[in-house]
PDB file of N, CA and C in Angstrom:
ATOM      1  N   MET A   1     119.939 146.722 148.800  1.00  0.00           N
ATOM      2  CA  MET A   1     119.878 146.017 149.881  1.00  0.00           C
ATOM      3  C   MET A   1     121.720 145.822 149.950  1.00  0.00           C
ATOM      4  N   ILE A   2     122.064 145.561 150.856  1.00  0.00           N
ATOM      5  CA  ILE A   2     123.713 144.846 151.178  1.00  0.00           C
ATOM      6  C   ILE A   2     123.673 143.518 151.156  1.00  0.00           C
ATOM      7  N   VAL A   3     124.596 143.011 150.212  1.00  0.00           N
ATOM      8  CA  VAL A   3     124.688 141.533 150.416  1.00  0.00           C
ATOM      9  C   VAL A   3     125.353 140.957 151.514  1.00  0.00           C
ATOM     10  N   THR A   4     125.370 140.252 152.258  1.00  0.00           N
ATOM     11  CA  THR A   4     125.792 139.793 153.695  1.00  0.00           C
ATOM     12  C   THR A   4     126.006 137.892 153.608  1.00  0.00           C
ATOM     13  N   GLN A   5     126.929 137.653 153.970  1.00  0.00           N
ATOM     14  CA  GLN A   5     127.159 136.136 154.378  1.00  0.00           C
ATOM     15  C   GLN A   5     125.738 135.398 154.799  1.00  0.00           C
ATOM     16  N   ASP A   6     125.360 136.015 155.785  1.00  0.00           N
ATOM     17  CA  ASP A   6     124.033 135.254 156.059  1.00  0.00           C
ATOM     18  C   ASP A   6     122.840 135.240 155.088  1.00  0.00           C
ATOM     19  N   TRP A   7     122.713 136.530 153.917  1.00  0.00           N
ATOM     20  CA  TRP A   7     121.813 136.967 153.542  1.00  0.00           C
ATOM     21  C   TRP A   7     122.290 135.411 152.198  1.00  0.00           C
ATOM     22  N   LEU A   8     123.103 135.162 151.800  1.00  0.00           N
ATOM     23  CA  LEU A   8     124.033 134.201 150.863  1.00  0.00           C
ATOM     24  C   LEU A   8     123.563 132.803 151.643  1.00  0.00           C
ATOM     25  N   ASN A   9     123.933 132.778 152.825  1.00  0.00           N
ATOM     26  CA  ASN A   9     123.355 131.586 153.445  1.00  0.00           C
ATOM     27  C   ASN A   9     121.721 130.998 153.223  1.00  0.00           C
ATOM     28  N   GLU A  10     121.072 132.457 153.593  1.00  0.00           N
ATOM     29  CA  GLU A  10     120.002 132.117 153.538  1.00  0.00           C
ATOM     30  C   GLU A  10     119.041 131.698 152.113  1.00  0.00           C
ATOM     31  N   ILE A  11     119.876 132.253 150.829  1.00  0.00           N
ATOM     32  CA  ILE A  11     119.171 131.875 149.665  1.00  0.00           C
ATOM     33  C   ILE A  11     119.628 130.791 148.878  1.00  0.00           C
ATOM     34  N   SER A  12     121.015 130.375 149.487  1.00  0.00           N
ATOM     35  CA  SER A  12     121.393 129.191 149.047  1.00  0.00           C
ATOM     36  C   SER A  12     120.441 127.919 149.446  1.00  0.00           C
ATOM     37  N   ASP A  13     120.803 126.567 148.987  1.00  0.00           N
ATOM     38  CA  ASP A  13     120.266 125.387 149.143  1.00  0.00           C
ATOM     39  C   ASP A  13     121.082 124.930 149.529  1.00  0.00           C
ATOM     40  N   GLU A  14     121.061 123.135 150.059  1.00  0.00           N
ATOM     41  CA  GLU A  14     122.226 122.315 150.561  1.00  0.00           C
ATOM     42  C   GLU A  14     123.432 122.120 149.392  1.00  0.00           C
ATOM     43  N   LYS A  15     123.022 122.677 147.986  1.00  0.00           N
ATOM     44  CA  LYS A  15     124.253 122.511 147.121  1.00  0.00           C
ATOM     45  C   LYS A  15     124.413 123.635 146.981  1.00  0.00           C
ATOM     46  N   GLY A  16     124.219 124.959 147.537  1.00  0.00           N
ATOM     47  CA  GLY A  16     124.809 126.156 147.301  1.00  0.00           C
ATOM     48  C   GLY A  16     123.939 126.983 146.589  1.00  0.00           C
ATOM     49  N   LEU A  17     124.961 127.939 145.773  1.00  0.00           N
ATOM     50  CA  LEU A  17     124.032 128.885 144.879  1.00  0.00           C
ATOM     51  C   LEU A  17     123.622 128.154 143.521  1.00  0.00           C
ATOM     52  N   THR A  18     122.723 128.238 143.004  1.00  0.00           N
ATOM     53  CA  THR A  18     122.032 128.126 141.530  1.00  0.00           C
ATOM     54  C   THR A  18     122.989 128.717 140.413  1.00  0.00           C
ATOM     55  N   LYS A  19     123.392 128.417 139.541  1.00  0.00           N
ATOM     56  CA  LYS A  19     123.875 128.714 138.552  1.00  0.00           C
ATOM     57  C   LYS A  19     123.499 130.445 138.284  1.00  0.00           C
ATOM     58  N   GLY A  20     121.869 130.583 138.188  1.00  0.00           N
ATOM     59  CA  GLY A  20     121.272 131.644 137.363  1.00  0.00           C
ATOM     60  C   GLY A  20     121.288 132.528 138.864  1.00  0.00           C
ATOM     61  N   GLN A  21     121.841 132.196 140.093  1.00  0.00           N
ATOM     62  CA  GLN A  21     121.859 133.221 141.389  1.00  0.00           C
ATOM     63  C   GLN A  21     123.253 133.393 141.043  1.00  0.00           C
ATOM     64  N   LEU A  22     124.113 133.009 140.630  1.00  0.00           N
ATOM     65  CA  LEU A  22     125.326 133.267 140.469  1.00  0.00           C
ATOM     66  C   LEU A  22     125.526 134.251 139.549  1.00  0.00           C
ATOM     67  N   TYR A  23     125.309 133.840 138.349  1.00  0.00           N
ATOM     68  CA  TYR A  23     124.900 134.781 137.110  1.00  0.00           C
ATOM     69  C   TYR A  23     124.495 136.233 137.440  1.00  0.00           C
ATOM     70  N   LEU A  24     123.492 136.308 138.275  1.00  0.00           N
ATOM     71  CA  LEU A  24     122.822 137.435 138.551  1.00  0.00           C
ATOM     72  C   LEU A  24     123.669 138.233 139.824  1.00  0.00           C
ATOM     73  N   LEU A  25     124.495 137.637 140.535  1.00  0.00           N
ATOM     74  CA  LEU A  25     125.174 138.144 141.643  1.00  0.00           C
ATOM     75  C   LEU A  25     126.489 139.027 140.891  1.00  0.00           C
ATOM     76  N   LYS A  26     127.048 138.209 140.016  1.00  0.00           N
ATOM     77  CA  LYS A  26     128.356 138.468 139.125  1.00  0.00           C
ATOM     78  C   LYS A  26     127.731 139.692 138.211  1.00  0.00           C
ATOM     79  N   LYS A  27     126.757 140.025 137.794  1.00  0.00           N
ATOM     80  CA  LYS A  27     126.375 141.059 136.801  1.00  0.00           C
ATOM     81  C   LYS A  27     126.120 142.079 137.708  1.00  0.00           C
ATOM     82  N   TRP A  28     125.444 142.247 139.079  1.00  0.00           N
ATOM     83  CA  TRP A  28     125.385 143.136 139.615  1.00  0.00           C
ATOM     84  C   TRP A  28     126.431 143.629 140.711  1.00  0.00           C
ATOM     85  N   CYS A  29     127.415 142.722 140.993  1.00  0.00           N
ATOM     86  CA  CYS A  29     128.475 143.017 141.844  1.00  0.00           C
ATOM     87  C   CYS A  29     129.844 142.565 140.929  1.00  0.00           C
ATOM     88  N   THR A  30     130.640 143.496 141.239  1.00  0.00           N
ATOM     89  CA  THR A  30     131.722 143.234 140.343  1.00  0.00           C
ATOM     90  C   THR A  30     132.815 142.633 141.095  1.00  0.00           C
ATOM     91  N   GLY A  31     133.414 141.831 140.456  1.00  0.00           N
ATOM     92  CA  GLY A  31     134.354 140.634 141.000  1.00  0.00           C
ATOM     93  C   GLY A  31     133.557 139.687 141.685  1.00  0.00           C
ATOM     94  N   ASP A  32     134.210 138.450 142.228  1.00  0.00           N
ATOM     95  CA  ASP A  32     133.960 137.224 142.554  1.00  0.00           C
ATOM     96  C   ASP A  32     133.376 137.681 143.972  1.00  0.00           C
ATOM     97  N   ASP A  33     133.738 138.424 144.669  1.00  0.00           N
ATOM     98  CA  ASP A  33     133.367 138.356 146.047  1.00  0.00           C
ATOM     99  C   ASP A  33     132.056 139.191 146.196  1.00  0.00           C
ATOM    100  N   HIS A  34     131.205 138.926 146.936  1.00  0.00           N
ATOM    101  CA  HIS A  34     129.852 139.391 146.732  1.00  0.00           C
ATOM    102  C   HIS A  34     129.099 140.179 148.034  1.00  0.00           C
ATOM    103  N   ILE A  35     129.951 140.016 148.943  1.00  0.00           N
ATOM    104  CA  ILE A  35     129.810 140.118 150.648  1.00  0.00           C
ATOM    105  C   ILE A  35     129.909 141.789 150.557  1.00  0.00           C
ATOM    106  N   ASN A  36     129.212 142.823 151.390  1.00  0.00           N
ATOM    107  CA  ASN A  36     129.004 143.839 151.156  1.00  0.00           C
ATOM    108  C   ASN A  36     129.171 144.703 150.113  1.00  0.00           C
ATOM    109  N   LYS A  37     128.615 144.171 148.948  1.00  0.00           N
ATOM    110  CA  LYS A  37     128.103 144.796 147.798  1.00  0.00           C
ATOM    111  C   LYS A  37     126.683 145.082 147.721  1.00  0.00           C
ATOM    112  N   GLU A  38     126.295 146.401 146.951  1.00  0.00           N
ATOM    113  CA  GLU A  38     124.907 146.573 146.953  1.00  0.00           C
ATOM    114  C   GLU A  38     124.040 145.944 145.852  1.00  0.00           C
ATOM    115  N   ILE A  39     123.221 145.720 146.038  1.00  0.00           N
ATOM    116  CA  ILE A  39     122.118 145.333 145.017  1.00  0.00           C
ATOM    117  C   ILE A  39     120.958 145.875 145.090  1.00  0.00           C
ATOM    118  N   PRO A  40     120.054 145.701 143.864  1.00  0.00           N
ATOM    119  CA  PRO A  40     118.455 146.480 144.082  1.00  0.00           C
ATOM    120  C   PRO A  40     117.923 145.347 144.894  1.00  0.00           C
ATOM    121  N   ASP A  41     116.826 146.033 145.288  1.00  0.00           N
ATOM    122  CA  ASP A  41     116.218 145.354 146.537  1.00  0.00           C
ATOM    123  C   ASP A  41     115.250 144.182 145.642  1.00  0.00           C
ATOM    124  N   LEU A  42     114.765 144.326 144.412  1.00  0.00           N
ATOM    125  CA  LEU A  42     114.324 143.630 143.276  1.00  0.00           C
ATOM    126  C   LEU A  42     114.964 142.510 143.430  1.00  0.00           C
ATOM    127  N   VAL A  43     116.244 142.522 142.681  1.00  0.00           N
ATOM    128  CA  VAL A  43     116.952 141.673 142.279  1.00  0.00           C
ATOM    129  C   VAL A  43     117.526 140.664 143.455  1.00  0.00           C
ATOM    130  N   GLY A  44     117.725 141.108 144.948  1.00  0.00           N
ATOM    131  CA  GLY A  44     117.450 140.494 146.193  1.00  0.00           C
ATOM    132  C   GLY A  44     116.302 139.542 146.363  1.00  0.00           C
ATOM    133  N   HIS A  45     115.431 140.368 146.115  1.00  0.00           N
ATOM    134  CA  HIS A  45     113.845 139.398 146.050  1.00  0.00           C
ATOM    135  C   HIS A  45     113.863 138.308 145.349  1.00  0.00           C
ATOM    136  N   PHE A  46     114.242 138.490 144.227  1.00  0.00           N
ATOM    137  CA  PHE A  46     114.355 137.656 143.101  1.00  0.00           C
ATOM    138  C   PHE A  46     115.356 136.585 143.072  1.00  0.00           C
ATOM    139  N   LEU A  47     116.511 136.569 143.550  1.00  0.00           N
ATOM    140  CA  LEU A  47     117.084 135.728 144.043  1.00  0.00           C
ATOM    141  C   LEU A  47     116.906 134.579 145.292  1.00  0.00           C
ATOM    142  N   LEU A  48     116.429 135.318 145.985  1.00  0.00           N
ATOM    143  CA  LEU A  48     115.698 134.599 146.904  1.00  0.00           C
ATOM    144  C   LEU A  48     114.832 133.543 146.518  1.00  0.00           C
ATOM    145  N   MET A  49     113.789 133.944 145.711  1.00  0.00           N
ATOM    146  CA  MET A  49     112.877 133.190 145.065  1.00  0.00           C
ATOM    147  C   MET A  49     113.377 132.067 144.312  1.00  0.00           C
ATOM    148  N   CYS A  50     114.295 132.195 143.726  1.00  0.00           N
ATOM    149  CA  CYS A  50     115.119 131.511 143.016  1.00  0.00           C
ATOM    150  C   CYS A  50     115.800 130.000 143.699  1.00  0.00           C
ATOM    151  N   ARG A  51     115.627 130.136 144.678  1.00  0.00           N
ATOM    152  CA  ARG A  51     116.478 129.194 145.704  1.00  0.00           C
ATOM    153  C   ARG A  51     116.272 127.789 145.721  1.00  0.00           C
ATOM    154  N   GLY A  52     117.090 126.957 145.415  1.00  0.00           N
ATOM    155  CA  GLY A  52     116.866 125.479 144.782  1.00  0.00           C
ATOM    156  C   GLY A  52     116.240 125.245 143.826  1.00  0.00           C
ATOM    157  N   TYR A  53     116.110 126.394 142.695  1.00  0.00           N
ATOM    158  CA  TYR A  53     115.603 126.122 141.274  1.00  0.00           C
ATOM    159  C   TYR A  53     116.482 125.459 140.812  1.00  0.00           C
ATOM    160  N   ARG A  54     116.773 124.402 140.153  1.00  0.00           N
ATOM    161  CA  ARG A  54     118.068 124.137 139.474  1.00  0.00           C
ATOM    162  C   ARG A  54     118.096 123.057 138.156  1.00  0.00           C
ATOM    163  N   GLU A  55     116.492 122.996 137.758  1.00  0.00           N
ATOM    164  CA  GLU A  55     115.963 122.511 136.455  1.00  0.00           C
ATOM    165  C   GLU A  55     114.764 122.403 136.088  1.00  0.00           C
ATOM    166  N   ILE A  56     114.362 122.652 134.885  1.00  0.00           N
ATOM    167  CA  ILE A  56     112.580 122.626 134.496  1.00  0.00           C
ATOM    168  C   ILE A  56     112.190 121.395 135.280  1.00  0.00           C
ATOM    169  N   PRO A  57     111.218 121.370 135.762  1.00  0.00           N
ATOM    170  CA  PRO A  57     110.401 120.184 136.234  1.00  0.00           C
ATOM    171  C   PRO A  57     110.063 119.384 135.012  1.00  0.00           C
ATOM    172  N   GLN A  58     109.802 117.979 135.564  1.00  0.00           N
ATOM    173  CA  GLN A  58     109.469 117.210 134.564  1.00  0.00           C
ATOM    174  C   GLN A  58     108.274 117.611 133.824  1.00  0.00           C
ATOM    175  N   HIS A  59     107.261 117.352 134.621  1.00  0.00           N
ATOM    176  CA  HIS A  59     105.930 117.985 134.176  1.00  0.00           C
ATOM    177  C   HIS A  59     106.069 119.163 133.355  1.00  0.00           C
ATOM    178  N   VAL A  60     106.793 119.882 133.628  1.00  0.00           N
ATOM    179  CA  VAL A  60     106.905 121.313 132.530  1.00  0.00           C
ATOM    180  C   VAL A  60     107.547 120.977 131.061  1.00  0.00           C
ATOM    181  N   LYS A  61     108.598 119.970 131.085  1.00  0.00           N
ATOM    182  CA  LYS A  61     109.108 119.361 130.181  1.00  0.00           C
ATOM    183  C   LYS A  61     108.439 118.710 129.198  1.00  0.00           C
ATOM    184  N   ASP A  62     107.572 117.687 129.706  1.00  0.00           N
ATOM    185  CA  ASP A  62     106.387 116.795 129.192  1.00  0.00           C
ATOM    186  C   ASP A  62     105.236 117.878 128.574  1.00  0.00           C
ATOM    187  N   PHE A  63     104.830 118.701 129.175  1.00  0.00           N
ATOM    188  CA  PHE A  63     103.944 119.438 128.495  1.00  0.00           C
ATOM    189  C   PHE A  63     104.333 120.377 127.314  1.00  0.00           C
ATOM    190  N   LYS A  64     105.590 120.646 127.445  1.00  0.00           N
ATOM    191  CA  LYS A  64     106.213 121.479 126.216  1.00  0.00           C
ATOM    192  C   LYS A  64     106.620 120.627 125.202  1.00  0.00           C
ATOM    193  N   GLY A  65     106.629 119.264 125.335  1.00  0.00           N
ATOM    194  CA  GLY A  65     107.205 118.479 124.670  1.00  0.00           C
ATOM    195  C   GLY A  65     109.078 118.338 124.463  1.00  0.00           C
ATOM    196  N   TRP A  66     109.511 119.036 125.557  1.00  0.00           N
ATOM    197  CA  TRP A  66     111.037 118.530 125.604  1.00  0.00           C
ATOM    198  C   TRP A  66     111.038 117.396 126.083  1.00  0.00           C
ATOM    199  N   VAL A  67     112.192 117.368 125.706  1.00  0.00           N
ATOM    200  CA  VAL A  67     113.211 115.683 126.035  1.00  0.00           C
ATOM    201  C   VAL A  67     113.574 115.942 127.653  1.00  0.00           C
TER     202      VAL A  67
END
């Protein structure tokens, strides 16, 4: 798939892209400009599913004994 500005807007939330999304985009796209770069479809789908995921939910932290 080709990364477009519309697609980046779709996978972003009100705070922008997450650190994980940026990390993966930098891994698959050379340079800081991701527009018009090609990434695998599976990576694009994963990035869309990561939208807004910014930290481990408290109930998961409680279950695992994390602080």
